[in-house]
Amino acid sequence: MNTFNISDIKVGSGDLFFILGPCGLENEDFAWRMARALKEITTRLDVPFIFKASYDKANRTSVDSYRGPGVVEGTRILGEIGKELGVPVTTDIHTPEEAAIAGKHIDFLQIPAFLCRQTDLLEAAAKTGRAVNVKKGQFLAPWDIEPIIGKLKAFGCERFAMTERGTTFGYNNLVADMRSLPWMREQGVPVIFDATHSVQRPGGLGGTTGGDGVLAPVLARCAVAAGVDGVFMEVHENPEKALSDGPNQIPLDQIEEVLKKLVAVHKAAH
């Protein structure tokens, strides 16, 4: 198993860690509020935590959809949050140029699912020296991550994980196949389960993406029982007013109970 550290978080060691935060970096005050609240909760529960927010929602359904503050401002905010709160931070990157900018501030560079096979992007992420998290494309089988792993290794990246985020199932729907998790992990790579994106209904609301956020904790419990290394969940203080992916995000006032159950499942399964 490819084990490594992100700050003091051990990835692939058998410990369970969490990636938590809002879908979009809506504004600086909001990002700080969410990060502080999640830091307080995870500290109280004594669980490893990486803060997540996206500076640019580059693949939104509609041209009119909110995107974010951009790579320079967004990574500055995330970097400052990480330093002050003492937590690693992660965010999506979309181009080799963004990788170089984000690499100065971001601990765990995330490759979006739609871009998971983009060789230039993987190479640029590897060159930053940061840990890399590749989201498996909705169009890929579990064993199709092998060439992606090969690219990262060829580019000198030793710290990387793969994330399952659901597979396209007909129109405007995804299915989370729990068999995928051990099949991916058999390839010697730590596996993260993205619970909130796995319940998306892409384009399901016409101009925006819908989803079944209430099912995200259910799938997360299944994934932890199956033996994942980390769980990714988007969390918002008021999902109904979120500027992106509101239907899939877990309300902030519910996340503590969700985490408690996941920790209990992990202890029972291991």
C-alpha atoms as a PDB file:
ATOM      1  CA  MET A   1       0.000   0.000   0.000  1.00  0.00           C
ATOM      2  CA  ASN A   2       1.253   3.469  -0.917  1.00  0.00           C
ATOM      3  CA  THR A   3       1.221   5.148   2.498  1.00  0.00           C
ATOM      4  CA  PHE A   4       2.198   8.765   3.094  1.00  0.00           C
ATOM      5  CA  ASN A   5       1.601  11.783   5.290  1.00  0.00           C
ATOM      6  CA  ILE A   6      -0.223  15.027   4.617  1.00  0.00           C
ATOM      7  CA  SER A   7       1.009  17.172   7.494  1.00  0.00           C
ATOM      8  CA  ASP A   8       0.327  14.900  10.499  1.00  0.00           C
ATOM      9  CA  ILE A   9      -2.403  12.870   8.764  1.00  0.00           C
ATOM     10  CA  LYS A  10      -1.376   9.331   7.867  1.00  0.00           C
ATOM     11  CA  VAL A  11      -2.939   8.232   4.589  1.00  0.00           C
ATOM     12  CA  GLY A  12      -3.215   4.517   3.832  1.00  0.00           C
ATOM     13  CA  SER A  13      -2.177   3.476   7.343  1.00  0.00           C
ATOM     14  CA  GLY A  14      -5.524   2.043   8.412  1.00  0.00           C
ATOM     15  CA  ASP A  15      -6.616   5.237  10.156  1.00  0.00           C
ATOM     16  CA  LEU A  16      -9.731   6.992   8.848  1.00  0.00           C
ATOM     17  CA  PHE A  17      -9.494  10.653   7.855  1.00  0.00           C
ATOM     18  CA  PHE A  18     -12.059  13.124   6.571  1.00  0.00           C
ATOM     19  CA  ILE A  19     -12.100  15.758   3.840  1.00  0.00           C
ATOM     20  CA  LEU A  20     -14.792  18.274   4.764  1.00  0.00           C
ATOM     21  CA  GLY A  21     -15.873  21.698   3.574  1.00  0.00           C
ATOM     22  CA  PRO A  22     -18.259  23.554   1.293  1.00  0.00           C
ATOM     23  CA  CYS A  23     -18.517  22.919  -2.419  1.00  0.00           C
ATOM     24  CA  GLY A  24     -17.611  26.468  -3.386  1.00  0.00           C
ATOM     25  CA  LEU A  25     -15.431  29.113  -1.760  1.00  0.00           C
ATOM     26  CA  GLU A  26     -18.326  31.571  -1.768  1.00  0.00           C
ATOM     27  CA  ASN A  27     -16.471  34.386   0.008  1.00  0.00           C
ATOM     28  CA  GLU A  28     -13.634  34.761   2.499  1.00  0.00           C
ATOM     29  CA  ASP A  29     -15.749  35.243   5.622  1.00  0.00           C
ATOM     30  CA  PHE A  30     -17.859  32.202   4.752  1.00  0.00           C
ATOM     31  CA  ALA A  31     -14.777  30.048   4.200  1.00  0.00           C
ATOM     32  CA  TRP A  32     -13.323  31.027   7.582  1.00  0.00           C
ATOM     33  CA  ARG A  33     -16.637  30.368   9.357  1.00  0.00           C
ATOM     34  CA  MET A  34     -16.930  26.926   7.848  1.00  0.00           C
ATOM     35  CA  ALA A  35     -13.296  26.031   8.490  1.00  0.00           C
ATOM     36  CA  ARG A  36     -13.409  27.137  12.125  1.00  0.00           C
ATOM     37  CA  ALA A  37     -16.666  25.278  12.762  1.00  0.00           C
ATOM     38  CA  LEU A  38     -15.376  22.070  11.194  1.00  0.00           C
ATOM     39  CA  LYS A  39     -12.050  22.363  13.001  1.00  0.00           C
ATOM     40  CA  GLU A  40     -13.908  22.678  16.318  1.00  0.00           C
ATOM     41  CA  ILE A  41     -16.071  19.628  15.595  1.00  0.00           C
ATOM     42  CA  THR A  42     -13.237  17.395  14.390  1.00  0.00           C
ATOM     43  CA  THR A  43     -11.013  18.434  17.292  1.00  0.00           C
ATOM     44  CA  ARG A  44     -13.769  17.550  19.744  1.00  0.00           C
ATOM     45  CA  LEU A  45     -14.166  14.137  18.080  1.00  0.00           C
ATOM     46  CA  ASP A  46     -10.397  13.703  17.678  1.00  0.00           C
ATOM     47  CA  VAL A  47     -10.607  12.779  13.993  1.00  0.00           C
ATOM     48  CA  PRO A  48      -8.121  13.780  11.253  1.00  0.00           C
ATOM     49  CA  PHE A  49      -9.497  16.568   9.054  1.00  0.00           C
ATOM     50  CA  ILE A  50      -8.553  18.197   5.749  1.00  0.00           C
ATOM     51  CA  PHE A  51     -10.466  21.379   4.840  1.00  0.00           C
ATOM     52  CA  LYS A  52     -11.879  21.587   1.317  1.00  0.00           C
ATOM     53  CA  ALA A  53     -13.371  24.381  -0.792  1.00  0.00           C
ATOM     54  CA  SER A  54     -13.210  25.008  -4.549  1.00  0.00           C
ATOM     55  CA  TYR A  55     -11.961  28.368  -5.843  1.00  0.00           C
ATOM     56  CA  ASP A  56     -13.478  27.771  -9.293  1.00  0.00           C
ATOM     57  CA  LYS A  57     -16.415  25.553 -10.201  1.00  0.00           C
ATOM     58  CA  ALA A  58     -15.187  25.248 -13.754  1.00  0.00           C
ATOM     59  CA  ASN A  59     -17.562  22.507 -14.952  1.00  0.00           C
ATOM     60  CA  ARG A  60     -20.904  23.941 -13.859  1.00  0.00           C
ATOM     61  CA  THR A  61     -23.957  22.983 -15.909  1.00  0.00           C
ATOM     62  CA  SER A  62     -24.924  26.524 -16.912  1.00  0.00           C
ATOM     63  CA  VAL A  63     -22.797  29.461 -18.066  1.00  0.00           C
ATOM     64  CA  ASP A  64     -24.744  31.573 -15.569  1.00  0.00           C
ATOM     65  CA  SER A  65     -23.809  29.423 -12.560  1.00  0.00           C
ATOM     66  CA  TYR A  66     -21.563  30.738  -9.784  1.00  0.00           C
ATOM     67  CA  ARG A  67     -17.911  29.780 -10.172  1.00  0.00           C
ATOM     68  CA  GLY A  68     -15.757  31.356  -7.457  1.00  0.00           C
ATOM     69  CA  PRO A  69     -12.970  33.853  -6.712  1.00  0.00           C
ATOM     70  CA  GLY A  70     -10.359  32.234  -8.953  1.00  0.00           C
ATOM     71  CA  VAL A  71      -7.089  30.444  -8.348  1.00  0.00           C
ATOM     72  CA  VAL A  72      -4.926  33.293  -7.018  1.00  0.00           C
ATOM     73  CA  GLU A  73      -7.400  34.687  -4.488  1.00  0.00           C
ATOM     74  CA  GLY A  74      -8.886  31.301  -3.645  1.00  0.00           C
ATOM     75  CA  THR A  75      -5.614  29.551  -2.884  1.00  0.00           C
ATOM     76  CA  ARG A  76      -4.453  32.547  -0.845  1.00  0.00           C
ATOM     77  CA  ILE A  77      -7.544  32.257   1.353  1.00  0.00           C
ATOM     78  CA  LEU A  78      -7.197  28.493   1.713  1.00  0.00           C
ATOM     79  CA  GLY A  79      -3.495  28.745   2.480  1.00  0.00           C
ATOM     80  CA  GLU A  80      -4.108  31.296   5.224  1.00  0.00           C
ATOM     81  CA  ILE A  81      -6.880  29.151   6.716  1.00  0.00           C
ATOM     82  CA  GLY A  82      -4.590  26.139   6.748  1.00  0.00           C
ATOM     83  CA  LYS A  83      -1.751  27.987   8.460  1.00  0.00           C
ATOM     84  CA  GLU A  84      -3.855  29.695  11.132  1.00  0.00           C
ATOM     85  CA  LEU A  85      -6.007  26.687  12.007  1.00  0.00           C
ATOM     86  CA  GLY A  86      -3.252  24.116  11.617  1.00  0.00           C
ATOM     87  CA  VAL A  87      -5.151  21.922   9.160  1.00  0.00           C
ATOM     88  CA  PRO A  88      -4.171  20.684   5.686  1.00  0.00           C
ATOM     89  CA  VAL A  89      -6.243  22.139   2.824  1.00  0.00           C
ATOM     90  CA  THR A  90      -7.353  20.781  -0.528  1.00  0.00           C
ATOM     91  CA  THR A  91      -8.981  22.161  -3.657  1.00  0.00           C
ATOM     92  CA  ASP A  92      -9.535  21.297  -7.332  1.00  0.00           C
ATOM     93  CA  ILE A  93      -7.093  22.366 -10.010  1.00  0.00           C
ATOM     94  CA  HIS A  94      -8.028  22.493 -13.689  1.00  0.00           C
ATOM     95  CA  THR A  95      -4.937  23.440 -15.723  1.00  0.00           C
ATOM     96  CA  PRO A  96      -1.157  22.985 -15.454  1.00  0.00           C
ATOM     97  CA  GLU A  97      -0.871  26.728 -14.815  1.00  0.00           C
ATOM     98  CA  GLU A  98      -3.276  26.472 -11.878  1.00  0.00           C
ATOM     99  CA  ALA A  99      -1.287  23.558 -10.471  1.00  0.00           C
ATOM    100  CA  ALA A 100       1.823  25.719 -10.194  1.00  0.00           C
ATOM    101  CA  ILE A 101      -0.091  28.508  -8.422  1.00  0.00           C
ATOM    102  CA  ALA A 102      -2.024  26.219  -6.096  1.00  0.00           C
ATOM    103  CA  GLY A 103       1.084  24.225  -5.248  1.00  0.00           C
ATOM    104  CA  LYS A 104       2.411  27.188  -3.279  1.00  0.00           C
ATOM    105  CA  HIS A 105      -0.476  27.066  -0.787  1.00  0.00           C
ATOM    106  CA  ILE A 106      -2.401  23.773  -1.056  1.00  0.00           C
ATOM    107  CA  ASP A 107      -1.380  20.567   0.727  1.00  0.00           C
ATOM    108  CA  PHE A 108      -3.462  18.065  -1.271  1.00  0.00           C
ATOM    109  CA  LEU A 109      -4.078  18.898  -4.931  1.00  0.00           C
ATOM    110  CA  GLN A 110      -7.312  17.445  -6.256  1.00  0.00           C
ATOM    111  CA  ILE A 111      -7.726  16.395  -9.890  1.00  0.00           C
ATOM    112  CA  PRO A 112     -11.406  16.637 -10.937  1.00  0.00           C
ATOM    113  CA  ALA A 113     -13.110  13.495 -12.216  1.00  0.00           C
ATOM    114  CA  PHE A 114     -13.652  14.891 -15.710  1.00  0.00           C
ATOM    115  CA  LEU A 115      -9.894  15.615 -15.950  1.00  0.00           C
ATOM    116  CA  CYS A 116      -8.525  12.470 -14.313  1.00  0.00           C
ATOM    117  CA  ARG A 117      -6.711  11.258 -17.443  1.00  0.00           C
ATOM    118  CA  GLN A 118      -5.275  14.644 -18.517  1.00  0.00           C
ATOM    119  CA  THR A 119      -1.584  13.854 -18.745  1.00  0.00           C
ATOM    120  CA  ASP A 120      -0.342  17.456 -18.657  1.00  0.00           C
ATOM    121  CA  LEU A 121      -2.420  18.212 -15.564  1.00  0.00           C
ATOM    122  CA  LEU A 122      -1.188  15.092 -13.742  1.00  0.00           C
ATOM    123  CA  GLU A 123       2.401  15.953 -14.616  1.00  0.00           C
ATOM    124  CA  ALA A 124       2.021  19.533 -13.413  1.00  0.00           C
ATOM    125  CA  ALA A 125       0.467  18.375 -10.141  1.00  0.00           C
ATOM    126  CA  ALA A 126       3.296  15.892  -9.612  1.00  0.00           C
ATOM    127  CA  LYS A 127       5.935  18.570 -10.244  1.00  0.00           C
ATOM    128  CA  THR A 128       4.627  20.696  -7.359  1.00  0.00           C
ATOM    129  CA  GLY A 129       5.804  18.068  -4.879  1.00  0.00           C
ATOM    130  CA  ARG A 130       2.420  18.157  -3.173  1.00  0.00           C
ATOM    131  CA  ALA A 131       0.263  15.129  -2.434  1.00  0.00           C
ATOM    132  CA  VAL A 132      -2.298  14.469  -5.182  1.00  0.00           C
ATOM    133  CA  ASN A 133      -5.866  13.172  -4.995  1.00  0.00           C
ATOM    134  CA  VAL A 134      -7.314  11.968  -8.304  1.00  0.00           C
ATOM    135  CA  LYS A 135     -11.070  11.581  -8.543  1.00  0.00           C
ATOM    136  CA  LYS A 136     -11.909   8.566 -10.685  1.00  0.00           C
ATOM    137  CA  GLY A 137     -13.971   9.664 -13.659  1.00  0.00           C
ATOM    138  CA  GLN A 138     -17.667   8.790 -13.704  1.00  0.00           C
ATOM    139  CA  PHE A 139     -16.902   7.021 -16.988  1.00  0.00           C
ATOM    140  CA  LEU A 140     -14.155   4.718 -15.675  1.00  0.00           C
ATOM    141  CA  ALA A 141     -14.165   1.199 -14.290  1.00  0.00           C
ATOM    142  CA  PRO A 142     -12.240   0.660 -11.022  1.00  0.00           C
ATOM    143  CA  TRP A 143      -9.333  -1.038 -12.802  1.00  0.00           C
ATOM    144  CA  ASP A 144      -9.050   1.879 -15.239  1.00  0.00           C
ATOM    145  CA  ILE A 145      -7.140   3.806 -12.575  1.00  0.00           C
ATOM    146  CA  GLU A 146      -4.030   1.719 -13.310  1.00  0.00           C
ATOM    147  CA  PRO A 147      -2.790   3.935 -16.183  1.00  0.00           C
ATOM    148  CA  ILE A 148      -3.403   7.044 -14.046  1.00  0.00           C
ATOM    149  CA  ILE A 149      -1.298   5.531 -11.274  1.00  0.00           C
ATOM    150  CA  GLY A 150       1.360   4.763 -13.881  1.00  0.00           C
ATOM    151  CA  LYS A 151       1.422   8.368 -15.063  1.00  0.00           C
ATOM    152  CA  LEU A 152       1.809   9.768 -11.554  1.00  0.00           C
ATOM    153  CA  LYS A 153       4.649   7.373 -10.776  1.00  0.00           C
ATOM    154  CA  ALA A 154       6.347   8.189 -14.095  1.00  0.00           C
ATOM    155  CA  PHE A 155       6.219  11.877 -13.166  1.00  0.00           C
ATOM    156  CA  GLY A 156       7.833  11.216  -9.796  1.00  0.00           C
ATOM    157  CA  CYS A 157       4.735  11.550  -7.621  1.00  0.00           C
ATOM    158  CA  GLU A 158       5.001   9.244  -4.602  1.00  0.00           C
ATOM    159  CA  ARG A 159       2.114  10.637  -2.528  1.00  0.00           C
ATOM    160  CA  PHE A 160      -1.238  10.104  -4.185  1.00  0.00           C
ATOM    161  CA  ALA A 161      -4.690   8.670  -3.542  1.00  0.00           C
ATOM    162  CA  MET A 162      -7.691   7.838  -5.703  1.00  0.00           C
ATOM    163  CA  THR A 163     -11.270   8.860  -4.995  1.00  0.00           C
ATOM    164  CA  GLU A 164     -14.469   7.022  -5.909  1.00  0.00           C
ATOM    165  CA  ARG A 165     -17.292   9.449  -6.632  1.00  0.00           C
ATOM    166  CA  GLY A 166     -19.898   7.319  -8.368  1.00  0.00           C
ATOM    167  CA  THR A 167     -20.306   5.950 -11.874  1.00  0.00           C
ATOM    168  CA  THR A 168     -22.648   7.189 -14.595  1.00  0.00           C
ATOM    169  CA  PHE A 169     -25.850   5.153 -14.489  1.00  0.00           C
ATOM    170  CA  GLY A 170     -28.189   5.974 -17.343  1.00  0.00           C
ATOM    171  CA  TYR A 171     -29.203   9.600 -17.683  1.00  0.00           C
ATOM    172  CA  ASN A 172     -28.783  12.228 -14.910  1.00  0.00           C
ATOM    173  CA  ASN A 173     -27.853   9.623 -12.351  1.00  0.00           C
ATOM    174  CA  LEU A 174     -24.893   8.002 -10.615  1.00  0.00           C
ATOM    175  CA  VAL A 175     -24.496   4.713  -8.791  1.00  0.00           C
ATOM    176  CA  ALA A 176     -21.969   4.003  -6.036  1.00  0.00           C
ATOM    177  CA  ASP A 177     -20.743   0.442  -6.482  1.00  0.00           C
ATOM    178  CA  MET A 178     -19.110  -0.624  -3.224  1.00  0.00           C
ATOM    179  CA  ARG A 179     -17.218  -3.372  -5.077  1.00  0.00           C
ATOM    180  CA  SER A 180     -15.204  -0.578  -6.663  1.00  0.00           C
ATOM    181  CA  LEU A 181     -13.535   0.316  -3.358  1.00  0.00           C
ATOM    182  CA  PRO A 182     -11.621  -2.927  -2.721  1.00  0.00           C
ATOM    183  CA  TRP A 183     -10.897  -3.296  -6.434  1.00  0.00           C
ATOM    184  CA  MET A 184      -9.255   0.130  -6.465  1.00  0.00           C
ATOM    185  CA  ARG A 185      -7.400  -0.503  -3.216  1.00  0.00           C
ATOM    186  CA  GLU A 186      -6.034  -3.805  -4.600  1.00  0.00           C
ATOM    187  CA  GLN A 187      -3.899  -1.666  -6.903  1.00  0.00           C
ATOM    188  CA  GLY A 188      -1.876  -0.490  -3.917  1.00  0.00           C
ATOM    189  CA  VAL A 189      -3.329   2.975  -3.609  1.00  0.00           C
ATOM    190  CA  PRO A 190      -5.217   4.619  -0.716  1.00  0.00           C
ATOM    191  CA  VAL A 191      -8.893   5.069  -1.601  1.00  0.00           C
ATOM    192  CA  ILE A 192     -11.196   7.903  -0.576  1.00  0.00           C
ATOM    193  CA  PHE A 193     -14.960   7.756  -0.929  1.00  0.00           C
ATOM    194  CA  ASP A 194     -16.706  10.971  -2.001  1.00  0.00           C
ATOM    195  CA  ALA A 195     -20.125  10.533  -0.422  1.00  0.00           C
ATOM    196  CA  THR A 196     -21.758  13.784  -1.484  1.00  0.00           C
ATOM    197  CA  HIS A 197     -20.797  13.723  -5.165  1.00  0.00           C
ATOM    198  CA  SER A 198     -21.865  10.079  -5.361  1.00  0.00           C
ATOM    199  CA  VAL A 199     -25.469  11.147  -4.717  1.00  0.00           C
ATOM    200  CA  GLN A 200     -25.497  13.801  -7.434  1.00  0.00           C
ATOM    201  CA  ARG A 201     -27.999  13.842 -10.258  1.00  0.00           C
ATOM    202  CA  PRO A 202     -25.840  15.582 -12.887  1.00  0.00           C
ATOM    203  CA  GLY A 203     -27.852  18.189 -14.745  1.00  0.00           C
ATOM    204  CA  GLY A 204     -30.895  16.734 -13.038  1.00  0.00           C
ATOM    205  CA  LEU A 205     -32.525  20.108 -12.431  1.00  0.00           C
ATOM    206  CA  GLY A 206     -32.103  21.301 -15.990  1.00  0.00           C
ATOM    207  CA  GLY A 207     -29.716  24.216 -15.596  1.00  0.00           C
ATOM    208  CA  THR A 208     -28.188  22.870 -12.382  1.00  0.00           C
ATOM    209  CA  THR A 209     -27.217  19.590 -10.766  1.00  0.00           C
ATOM    210  CA  GLY A 210     -29.631  17.926  -8.386  1.00  0.00           C
ATOM    211  CA  GLY A 211     -29.013  15.217  -5.860  1.00  0.00           C
ATOM    212  CA  ASP A 212     -30.062  13.164  -2.871  1.00  0.00           C
ATOM    213  CA  GLY A 213     -27.949  14.626  -0.085  1.00  0.00           C
ATOM    214  CA  VAL A 214     -29.893  12.748   2.563  1.00  0.00           C
ATOM    215  CA  LEU A 215     -28.352   9.527   1.229  1.00  0.00           C
ATOM    216  CA  ALA A 216     -24.732  10.718   1.469  1.00  0.00           C
ATOM    217  CA  PRO A 217     -24.278   9.588   5.114  1.00  0.00           C
ATOM    218  CA  VAL A 218     -25.802   6.212   4.229  1.00  0.00           C
ATOM    219  CA  LEU A 219     -23.294   5.610   1.433  1.00  0.00           C
ATOM    220  CA  ALA A 220     -20.467   6.907   3.620  1.00  0.00           C
ATOM    221  CA  ARG A 221     -21.262   4.279   6.263  1.00  0.00           C
ATOM    222  CA  CYS A 222     -21.225   1.562   3.594  1.00  0.00           C
ATOM    223  CA  ALA A 223     -17.869   2.770   2.270  1.00  0.00           C
ATOM    224  CA  VAL A 224     -16.271   2.876   5.723  1.00  0.00           C
ATOM    225  CA  ALA A 225     -17.481  -0.653   6.390  1.00  0.00           C
ATOM    226  CA  ALA A 226     -15.947  -1.673   3.054  1.00  0.00           C
ATOM    227  CA  GLY A 227     -12.565  -0.371   4.164  1.00  0.00           C
ATOM    228  CA  VAL A 228     -11.778   3.033   2.654  1.00  0.00           C
ATOM    229  CA  ASP A 229      -8.930   5.213   3.912  1.00  0.00           C
ATOM    230  CA  GLY A 230     -10.806   8.505   3.846  1.00  0.00           C
ATOM    231  CA  VAL A 231     -14.269   9.994   3.401  1.00  0.00           C
ATOM    232  CA  PHE A 232     -14.978  13.191   1.484  1.00  0.00           C
ATOM    233  CA  MET A 233     -18.175  15.067   2.333  1.00  0.00           C
ATOM    234  CA  GLU A 234     -19.202  18.556   1.344  1.00  0.00           C
ATOM    235  CA  VAL A 235     -20.721  20.508   4.223  1.00  0.00           C
ATOM    236  CA  HIS A 236     -22.587  23.831   4.200  1.00  0.00           C
ATOM    237  CA  GLU A 237     -24.091  25.960   6.954  1.00  0.00           C
ATOM    238  CA  ASN A 238     -27.254  26.348   4.869  1.00  0.00           C
ATOM    239  CA  PRO A 239     -27.349  24.009   1.835  1.00  0.00           C
ATOM    240  CA  GLU A 240     -30.572  25.554   0.527  1.00  0.00           C
ATOM    241  CA  LYS A 241     -28.695  28.839   0.003  1.00  0.00           C
ATOM    242  CA  ALA A 242     -25.459  27.315  -1.295  1.00  0.00           C
ATOM    243  CA  LEU A 243     -24.169  28.872  -4.515  1.00  0.00           C
ATOM    244  CA  SER A 244     -23.245  25.430  -5.898  1.00  0.00           C
ATOM    245  CA  ASP A 245     -24.270  21.810  -5.276  1.00  0.00           C
ATOM    246  CA  GLY A 246     -26.710  22.654  -2.514  1.00  0.00           C
ATOM    247  CA  PRO A 247     -28.856  19.502  -2.906  1.00  0.00           C
ATOM    248  CA  ASN A 248     -25.878  17.243  -2.142  1.00  0.00           C
ATOM    249  CA  GLN A 249     -24.234  18.990   0.798  1.00  0.00           C
ATOM    250  CA  ILE A 250     -24.649  17.935   4.417  1.00  0.00           C
ATOM    251  CA  PRO A 251     -25.928  20.648   6.781  1.00  0.00           C
ATOM    252  CA  LEU A 252     -23.259  21.837   9.192  1.00  0.00           C
ATOM    253  CA  ASP A 253     -25.504  21.211  12.188  1.00  0.00           C
ATOM    254  CA  GLN A 254     -25.734  17.513  11.242  1.00  0.00           C
ATOM    255  CA  ILE A 255     -22.119  16.699  10.419  1.00  0.00           C
ATOM    256  CA  GLU A 256     -21.002  15.898  13.974  1.00  0.00           C
ATOM    257  CA  GLU A 257     -23.520  13.076  14.318  1.00  0.00           C
ATOM    258  CA  VAL A 258     -22.588  11.795  10.872  1.00  0.00           C
ATOM    259  CA  LEU A 259     -18.907  11.698  11.851  1.00  0.00           C
ATOM    260  CA  LYS A 260     -19.653   9.919  15.130  1.00  0.00           C
ATOM    261  CA  LYS A 261     -21.450   7.143  13.278  1.00  0.00           C
ATOM    262  CA  LEU A 262     -18.669   6.798  10.720  1.00  0.00           C
ATOM    263  CA  VAL A 263     -16.042   6.520  13.452  1.00  0.00           C
ATOM    264  CA  ALA A 264     -18.156   3.848  15.164  1.00  0.00           C
ATOM    265  CA  VAL A 265     -18.500   1.871  11.917  1.00  0.00           C
ATOM    266  CA  HIS A 266     -14.745   2.124  11.312  1.00  0.00           C
ATOM    267  CA  LYS A 267     -13.974   0.786  14.790  1.00  0.00           C
ATOM    268  CA  ALA A 268     -16.445  -2.078  14.364  1.00  0.00           C
ATOM    269  CA  ALA A 269     -15.104  -3.018  10.938  1.00  0.00           C
ATOM    270  CA  HIS A 270     -11.448  -2.880  11.867  1.00  0.00           C
END
